[in-house]
Amino acid sequence: MREKNILPQQAAAEFAKIVRPDSPSRKIALVVSGTLHRLQAKRLSTQEKHRIFDREDEALEWLWAEAA
């Protein structure tokens, strides 16, 4: 999301389907840029397996870490 403009509400709703609670993905990391992107990403999901990061290296570290 860091290289995208703020998503229109309809586009955000479609994107939210990708990060749905029943997603088969073990973890989903969203890398954002700025406060507006962070707020929009927070609305997409509140699941523990979804996290928001400012930096790609932190996101990758979390994704590759073993499950606790």
PDB file of N, CA and C in Angstrom:
ATOM      1  N   MET A   1       0.814  -1.200   0.000  1.00  0.00           N
ATOM      2  CA  MET A   1       0.000   0.000   0.000  1.00  0.00           C
ATOM      3  C   MET A   1       0.854   1.259   0.000  1.00  0.00           C
ATOM      4  N   ARG A   2       2.123   1.144   0.278  1.00  0.00           N
ATOM      5  CA  ARG A   2       2.933   2.348   0.444  1.00  0.00           C
ATOM      6  C   ARG A   2       3.107   3.142  -0.837  1.00  0.00           C
ATOM      7  N   GLU A   3       2.946   2.516  -1.986  1.00  0.00           N
ATOM      8  CA  GLU A   3       3.099   3.228  -3.242  1.00  0.00           C
ATOM      9  C   GLU A   3       1.763   3.545  -3.899  1.00  0.00           C
ATOM     10  N   LYS A   4       0.698   3.353  -3.178  1.00  0.00           N
ATOM     11  CA  LYS A   4      -0.637   3.603  -3.722  1.00  0.00           C
ATOM     12  C   LYS A   4      -1.215   4.880  -3.116  1.00  0.00           C
ATOM     13  N   ASN A   5      -2.138   5.460  -3.861  1.00  0.00           N
ATOM     14  CA  ASN A   5      -2.899   6.574  -3.306  1.00  0.00           C
ATOM     15  C   ASN A   5      -3.915   6.005  -2.327  1.00  0.00           C
ATOM     16  N   ILE A   6      -4.530   6.877  -1.550  1.00  0.00           N
ATOM     17  CA  ILE A   6      -5.593   6.428  -0.660  1.00  0.00           C
ATOM     18  C   ILE A   6      -6.666   5.772  -1.523  1.00  0.00           C
ATOM     19  N   LEU A   7      -7.122   4.605  -1.094  1.00  0.00           N
ATOM     20  CA  LEU A   7      -8.102   3.862  -1.877  1.00  0.00           C
ATOM     21  C   LEU A   7      -9.504   4.416  -1.690  1.00  0.00           C
ATOM     22  N   PRO A   8     -10.259   4.549  -2.782  1.00  0.00           N
ATOM     23  CA  PRO A   8     -11.671   4.916  -2.637  1.00  0.00           C
ATOM     24  C   PRO A   8     -12.375   3.848  -1.812  1.00  0.00           C
ATOM     25  N   GLN A   9     -13.466   4.202  -1.184  1.00  0.00           N
ATOM     26  CA  GLN A   9     -14.168   3.289  -0.285  1.00  0.00           C
ATOM     27  C   GLN A   9     -14.516   1.966  -0.963  1.00  0.00           C
ATOM     28  N   GLN A  10     -14.985   2.013  -2.190  1.00  0.00           N
ATOM     29  CA  GLN A  10     -15.361   0.787  -2.903  1.00  0.00           C
ATOM     30  C   GLN A  10     -14.128  -0.090  -3.151  1.00  0.00           C
ATOM     31  N   ALA A  11     -13.014   0.520  -3.539  1.00  0.00           N
ATOM     32  CA  ALA A  11     -11.786  -0.245  -3.774  1.00  0.00           C
ATOM     33  C   ALA A  11     -11.266  -0.832  -2.464  1.00  0.00           C
ATOM     34  N   ALA A  12     -11.362  -0.080  -1.378  1.00  0.00           N
ATOM     35  CA  ALA A  12     -10.928  -0.570  -0.065  1.00  0.00           C
ATOM     36  C   ALA A  12     -11.761  -1.779   0.348  1.00  0.00           C
ATOM     37  N   ALA A  13     -13.049  -1.737   0.060  1.00  0.00           N
ATOM     38  CA  ALA A  13     -13.927  -2.863   0.397  1.00  0.00           C
ATOM     39  C   ALA A  13     -13.519  -4.114  -0.385  1.00  0.00           C
ATOM     40  N   GLU A  14     -13.163  -3.952  -1.647  1.00  0.00           N
ATOM     41  CA  GLU A  14     -12.720  -5.090  -2.455  1.00  0.00           C
ATOM     42  C   GLU A  14     -11.381  -5.620  -1.943  1.00  0.00           C
ATOM     43  N   PHE A  15     -10.477  -4.720  -1.573  1.00  0.00           N
ATOM     44  CA  PHE A  15      -9.178  -5.135  -1.042  1.00  0.00           C
ATOM     45  C   PHE A  15      -9.349  -5.877   0.274  1.00  0.00           C
ATOM     46  N   ALA A  16     -10.309  -5.438   1.068  1.00  0.00           N
ATOM     47  CA  ALA A  16     -10.567  -6.083   2.356  1.00  0.00           C
ATOM     48  C   ALA A  16     -10.955  -7.549   2.183  1.00  0.00           C
ATOM     49  N   LYS A  17     -11.531  -7.898   1.046  1.00  0.00           N
ATOM     50  CA  LYS A  17     -11.892  -9.300   0.793  1.00  0.00           C
ATOM     51  C   LYS A  17     -10.639 -10.172   0.731  1.00  0.00           C
ATOM     52  N   ILE A  18      -9.517  -9.593   0.321  1.00  0.00           N
ATOM     53  CA  ILE A  18      -8.267 -10.340   0.233  1.00  0.00           C
ATOM     54  C   ILE A  18      -7.750 -10.671   1.628  1.00  0.00           C
ATOM     55  N   VAL A  19      -7.927  -9.759   2.568  1.00  0.00           N
ATOM     56  CA  VAL A  19      -7.409  -9.951   3.927  1.00  0.00           C
ATOM     57  C   VAL A  19      -8.526 -10.357   4.884  1.00  0.00           C
ATOM     58  N   ARG A  20      -9.463 -11.100   4.379  1.00  0.00           N
ATOM     59  CA  ARG A  20     -10.609 -11.542   5.177  1.00  0.00           C
ATOM     60  C   ARG A  20     -10.165 -12.478   6.305  1.00  0.00           C
ATOM     61  N   PRO A  21     -10.948 -12.574   7.362  1.00  0.00           N
ATOM     62  CA  PRO A  21     -10.580 -13.418   8.507  1.00  0.00           C
ATOM     63  C   PRO A  21     -10.357 -14.881   8.166  1.00  0.00           C
ATOM     64  N   ASP A  22     -11.055 -15.416   7.180  1.00  0.00           N
ATOM     65  CA  ASP A  22     -10.909 -16.828   6.835  1.00  0.00           C
ATOM     66  C   ASP A  22      -9.855 -17.062   5.749  1.00  0.00           C
ATOM     67  N   SER A  23      -9.015 -16.081   5.504  1.00  0.00           N
ATOM     68  CA  SER A  23      -7.950 -16.227   4.520  1.00  0.00           C
ATOM     69  C   SER A  23      -7.040 -17.385   4.894  1.00  0.00           C
ATOM     70  N   PRO A  24      -6.616 -18.178   3.915  1.00  0.00           N
ATOM     71  CA  PRO A  24      -5.716 -19.294   4.224  1.00  0.00           C
ATOM     72  C   PRO A  24      -4.302 -18.836   4.590  1.00  0.00           C
ATOM     73  N   SER A  25      -3.999 -17.578   4.396  1.00  0.00           N
ATOM     74  CA  SER A  25      -2.668 -17.069   4.722  1.00  0.00           C
ATOM     75  C   SER A  25      -2.428 -17.123   6.221  1.00  0.00           C
ATOM     76  N   ARG A  26      -1.244 -17.578   6.607  1.00  0.00           N
ATOM     77  CA  ARG A  26      -0.878 -17.643   8.019  1.00  0.00           C
ATOM     78  C   ARG A  26      -0.665 -16.237   8.575  1.00  0.00           C
ATOM     79  N   LYS A  27      -0.057 -15.361   7.777  1.00  0.00           N
ATOM     80  CA  LYS A  27       0.192 -13.975   8.171  1.00  0.00           C
ATOM     81  C   LYS A  27       0.047 -13.080   6.953  1.00  0.00           C
ATOM     82  N   ILE A  28      -0.399 -11.864   7.185  1.00  0.00           N
ATOM     83  CA  ILE A  28      -0.481 -10.856   6.128  1.00  0.00           C
ATOM     84  C   ILE A  28       0.105  -9.565   6.675  1.00  0.00           C
ATOM     85  N   ALA A  29       1.137  -9.063   6.015  1.00  0.00           N
ATOM     86  CA  ALA A  29       1.778  -7.811   6.417  1.00  0.00           C
ATOM     87  C   ALA A  29       1.436  -6.730   5.392  1.00  0.00           C
ATOM     88  N   LEU A  30       1.002  -5.594   5.893  1.00  0.00           N
ATOM     89  CA  LEU A  30       0.716  -4.455   5.034  1.00  0.00           C
ATOM     90  C   LEU A  30       1.751  -3.371   5.319  1.00  0.00           C
ATOM     91  N   VAL A  31       2.469  -2.944   4.293  1.00  0.00           N
ATOM     92  CA  VAL A  31       3.447  -1.872   4.442  1.00  0.00           C
ATOM     93  C   VAL A  31       2.786  -0.605   3.926  1.00  0.00           C
ATOM     94  N   VAL A  32       2.714   0.387   4.790  1.00  0.00           N
ATOM     95  CA  VAL A  32       2.005   1.620   4.469  1.00  0.00           C
ATOM     96  C   VAL A  32       2.950   2.818   4.517  1.00  0.00           C
ATOM     97  N   SER A  33       2.493   3.915   3.943  1.00  0.00           N
ATOM     98  CA  SER A  33       3.253   5.157   4.021  1.00  0.00           C
ATOM     99  C   SER A  33       2.317   6.260   4.477  1.00  0.00           C
ATOM    100  N   GLY A  34       2.554   6.738   5.658  1.00  0.00           N
ATOM    101  CA  GLY A  34       1.776   7.859   6.152  1.00  0.00           C
ATOM    102  C   GLY A  34       0.575   7.471   6.982  1.00  0.00           C
ATOM    103  N   THR A  35       0.073   8.465   7.657  1.00  0.00           N
ATOM    104  CA  THR A  35      -1.021   8.286   8.605  1.00  0.00           C
ATOM    105  C   THR A  35      -2.315   7.852   7.929  1.00  0.00           C
ATOM    106  N   LEU A  36      -2.643   8.449   6.786  1.00  0.00           N
ATOM    107  CA  LEU A  36      -3.899   8.087   6.117  1.00  0.00           C
ATOM    108  C   LEU A  36      -3.899   6.636   5.664  1.00  0.00           C
ATOM    109  N   HIS A  37      -2.772   6.190   5.115  1.00  0.00           N
ATOM    110  CA  HIS A  37      -2.689   4.782   4.727  1.00  0.00           C
ATOM    111  C   HIS A  37      -2.819   3.878   5.946  1.00  0.00           C
ATOM    112  N   ARG A  38      -2.179   4.237   7.049  1.00  0.00           N
ATOM    113  CA  ARG A  38      -2.240   3.433   8.277  1.00  0.00           C
ATOM    114  C   ARG A  38      -3.690   3.329   8.749  1.00  0.00           C
ATOM    115  N   LEU A  39      -4.407   4.434   8.774  1.00  0.00           N
ATOM    116  CA  LEU A  39      -5.806   4.416   9.207  1.00  0.00           C
ATOM    117  C   LEU A  39      -6.659   3.551   8.289  1.00  0.00           C
ATOM    118  N   GLN A  40      -6.419   3.664   6.996  1.00  0.00           N
ATOM    119  CA  GLN A  40      -7.196   2.868   6.052  1.00  0.00           C
ATOM    120  C   GLN A  40      -6.880   1.378   6.232  1.00  0.00           C
ATOM    121  N   ALA A  41      -5.619   1.049   6.416  1.00  0.00           N
ATOM    122  CA  ALA A  41      -5.233  -0.350   6.607  1.00  0.00           C
ATOM    123  C   ALA A  41      -5.826  -0.909   7.900  1.00  0.00           C
ATOM    124  N   LYS A  42      -5.884  -0.110   8.951  1.00  0.00           N
ATOM    125  CA  LYS A  42      -6.457  -0.567  10.219  1.00  0.00           C
ATOM    126  C   LYS A  42      -7.929  -0.926  10.067  1.00  0.00           C
ATOM    127  N   ARG A  43      -8.622  -0.215   9.186  1.00  0.00           N
ATOM    128  CA  ARG A  43     -10.032  -0.517   8.962  1.00  0.00           C
ATOM    129  C   ARG A  43     -10.225  -1.822   8.207  1.00  0.00           C
ATOM    130  N   LEU A  44      -9.209  -2.264   7.470  1.00  0.00           N
ATOM    131  CA  LEU A  44      -9.335  -3.489   6.681  1.00  0.00           C
ATOM    132  C   LEU A  44      -9.429  -4.725   7.552  1.00  0.00           C
ATOM    133  N   SER A  45      -8.683  -4.725   8.662  1.00  0.00           N
ATOM    134  CA  SER A  45      -8.699  -5.925   9.481  1.00  0.00           C
ATOM    135  C   SER A  45      -8.155  -5.651  10.868  1.00  0.00           C
ATOM    136  N   THR A  46      -8.725  -6.363  11.829  1.00  0.00           N
ATOM    137  CA  THR A  46      -8.242  -6.303  13.205  1.00  0.00           C
ATOM    138  C   THR A  46      -7.748  -7.671  13.650  1.00  0.00           C
ATOM    139  N   GLN A  47      -7.549  -8.570  12.701  1.00  0.00           N
ATOM    140  CA  GLN A  47      -7.092  -9.923  13.009  1.00  0.00           C
ATOM    141  C   GLN A  47      -5.650  -9.899  13.501  1.00  0.00           C
ATOM    142  N   GLU A  48      -5.311 -10.811  14.416  1.00  0.00           N
ATOM    143  CA  GLU A  48      -3.942 -10.926  14.931  1.00  0.00           C
ATOM    144  C   GLU A  48      -2.955 -11.286  13.835  1.00  0.00           C
ATOM    145  N   LYS A  49      -3.419 -12.059  12.848  1.00  0.00           N
ATOM    146  CA  LYS A  49      -2.499 -12.480  11.800  1.00  0.00           C
ATOM    147  C   LYS A  49      -2.231 -11.387  10.771  1.00  0.00           C
ATOM    148  N   HIS A  50      -2.869 -10.245  10.906  1.00  0.00           N
ATOM    149  CA  HIS A  50      -2.646  -9.104  10.023  1.00  0.00           C
ATOM    150  C   HIS A  50      -1.913  -8.017  10.800  1.00  0.00           C
ATOM    151  N   ARG A  51      -0.825  -7.526  10.257  1.00  0.00           N
ATOM    152  CA  ARG A  51      -0.072  -6.457  10.905  1.00  0.00           C
ATOM    153  C   ARG A  51       0.257  -5.367   9.904  1.00  0.00           C
ATOM    154  N   ILE A  52       0.430  -4.165  10.414  1.00  0.00           N
ATOM    155  CA  ILE A  52       0.739  -2.997   9.603  1.00  0.00           C
ATOM    156  C   ILE A  52       2.136  -2.515   9.962  1.00  0.00           C
ATOM    157  N   PHE A  53       2.924  -2.213   8.936  1.00  0.00           N
ATOM    158  CA  PHE A  53       4.304  -1.783   9.129  1.00  0.00           C
ATOM    159  C   PHE A  53       4.598  -0.537   8.310  1.00  0.00           C
ATOM    160  N   ASP A  54       5.552   0.247   8.801  1.00  0.00           N
ATOM    161  CA  ASP A  54       6.038   1.413   8.062  1.00  0.00           C
ATOM    162  C   ASP A  54       7.214   1.037   7.169  1.00  0.00           C
ATOM    163  N   ARG A  55       7.916  -0.026   7.550  1.00  0.00           N
ATOM    164  CA  ARG A  55       9.121  -0.415   6.826  1.00  0.00           C
ATOM    165  C   ARG A  55       9.027  -1.858   6.342  1.00  0.00           C
ATOM    166  N   GLU A  56       9.481  -2.075   5.123  1.00  0.00           N
ATOM    167  CA  GLU A  56       9.417  -3.403   4.521  1.00  0.00           C
ATOM    168  C   GLU A  56      10.284  -4.410   5.269  1.00  0.00           C
ATOM    169  N   ASP A  57      11.454  -3.998   5.745  1.00  0.00           N
ATOM    170  CA  ASP A  57      12.326  -4.942   6.444  1.00  0.00           C
ATOM    171  C   ASP A  57      11.673  -5.468   7.723  1.00  0.00           C
ATOM    172  N   GLU A  58      10.950  -4.608   8.425  1.00  0.00           N
ATOM    173  CA  GLU A  58      10.241  -5.054   9.634  1.00  0.00           C
ATOM    174  C   GLU A  58       9.111  -6.029   9.277  1.00  0.00           C
ATOM    175  N   ALA A  59       8.418  -5.736   8.195  1.00  0.00           N
ATOM    176  CA  ALA A  59       7.330  -6.608   7.753  1.00  0.00           C
ATOM    177  C   ALA A  59       7.866  -7.990   7.381  1.00  0.00           C
ATOM    178  N   LEU A  60       8.961  -8.020   6.648  1.00  0.00           N
ATOM    179  CA  LEU A  60       9.547  -9.297   6.253  1.00  0.00           C
ATOM    180  C   LEU A  60      10.057 -10.072   7.458  1.00  0.00           C
ATOM    181  N   GLU A  61      10.647  -9.405   8.409  1.00  0.00           N
ATOM    182  CA  GLU A  61      11.127 -10.068   9.637  1.00  0.00           C
ATOM    183  C   GLU A  61       9.964 -10.732  10.363  1.00  0.00           C
ATOM    184  N   TRP A  62       8.852 -10.017  10.492  1.00  0.00           N
ATOM    185  CA  TRP A  62       7.675 -10.566  11.163  1.00  0.00           C
ATOM    186  C   TRP A  62       7.097 -11.740  10.366  1.00  0.00           C
ATOM    187  N   LEU A  63       7.017 -11.590   9.040  1.00  0.00           N
ATOM    188  CA  LEU A  63       6.453 -12.656   8.209  1.00  0.00           C
ATOM    189  C   LEU A  63       7.260 -13.947   8.321  1.00  0.00           C
ATOM    190  N   TRP A  64       8.580 -13.840   8.370  1.00  0.00           N
ATOM    191  CA  TRP A  64       9.425 -15.020   8.384  1.00  0.00           C
ATOM    192  C   TRP A  64       9.699 -15.561   9.780  1.00  0.00           C
ATOM    193  N   ALA A  65       9.277 -14.838  10.804  1.00  0.00           N
ATOM    194  CA  ALA A  65       9.485 -15.317  12.177  1.00  0.00           C
ATOM    195  C   ALA A  65       8.592 -16.538  12.416  1.00  0.00           C
ATOM    196  N   GLU A  66       9.095 -17.442  13.223  1.00  0.00           N
ATOM    197  CA  GLU A  66       8.298 -18.625  13.567  1.00  0.00           C
ATOM    198  C   GLU A  66       7.096 -18.207  14.402  1.00  0.00           C
ATOM    199  N   ALA A  67       6.028 -18.933  14.254  1.00  0.00           N
ATOM    200  CA  ALA A  67       4.828 -18.685  15.062  1.00  0.00           C
ATOM    201  C   ALA A  67       5.149 -18.941  16.527  1.00  0.00           C
ATOM    202  N   ALA A  68       4.667 -18.050  17.380  1.00  0.00           N
ATOM    203  CA  ALA A  68       4.944 -18.180  18.809  1.00  0.00           C
ATOM    204  C   ALA A  68       4.126 -19.274  19.431  1.00  0.00           C
TER     205      ALA A  68
END
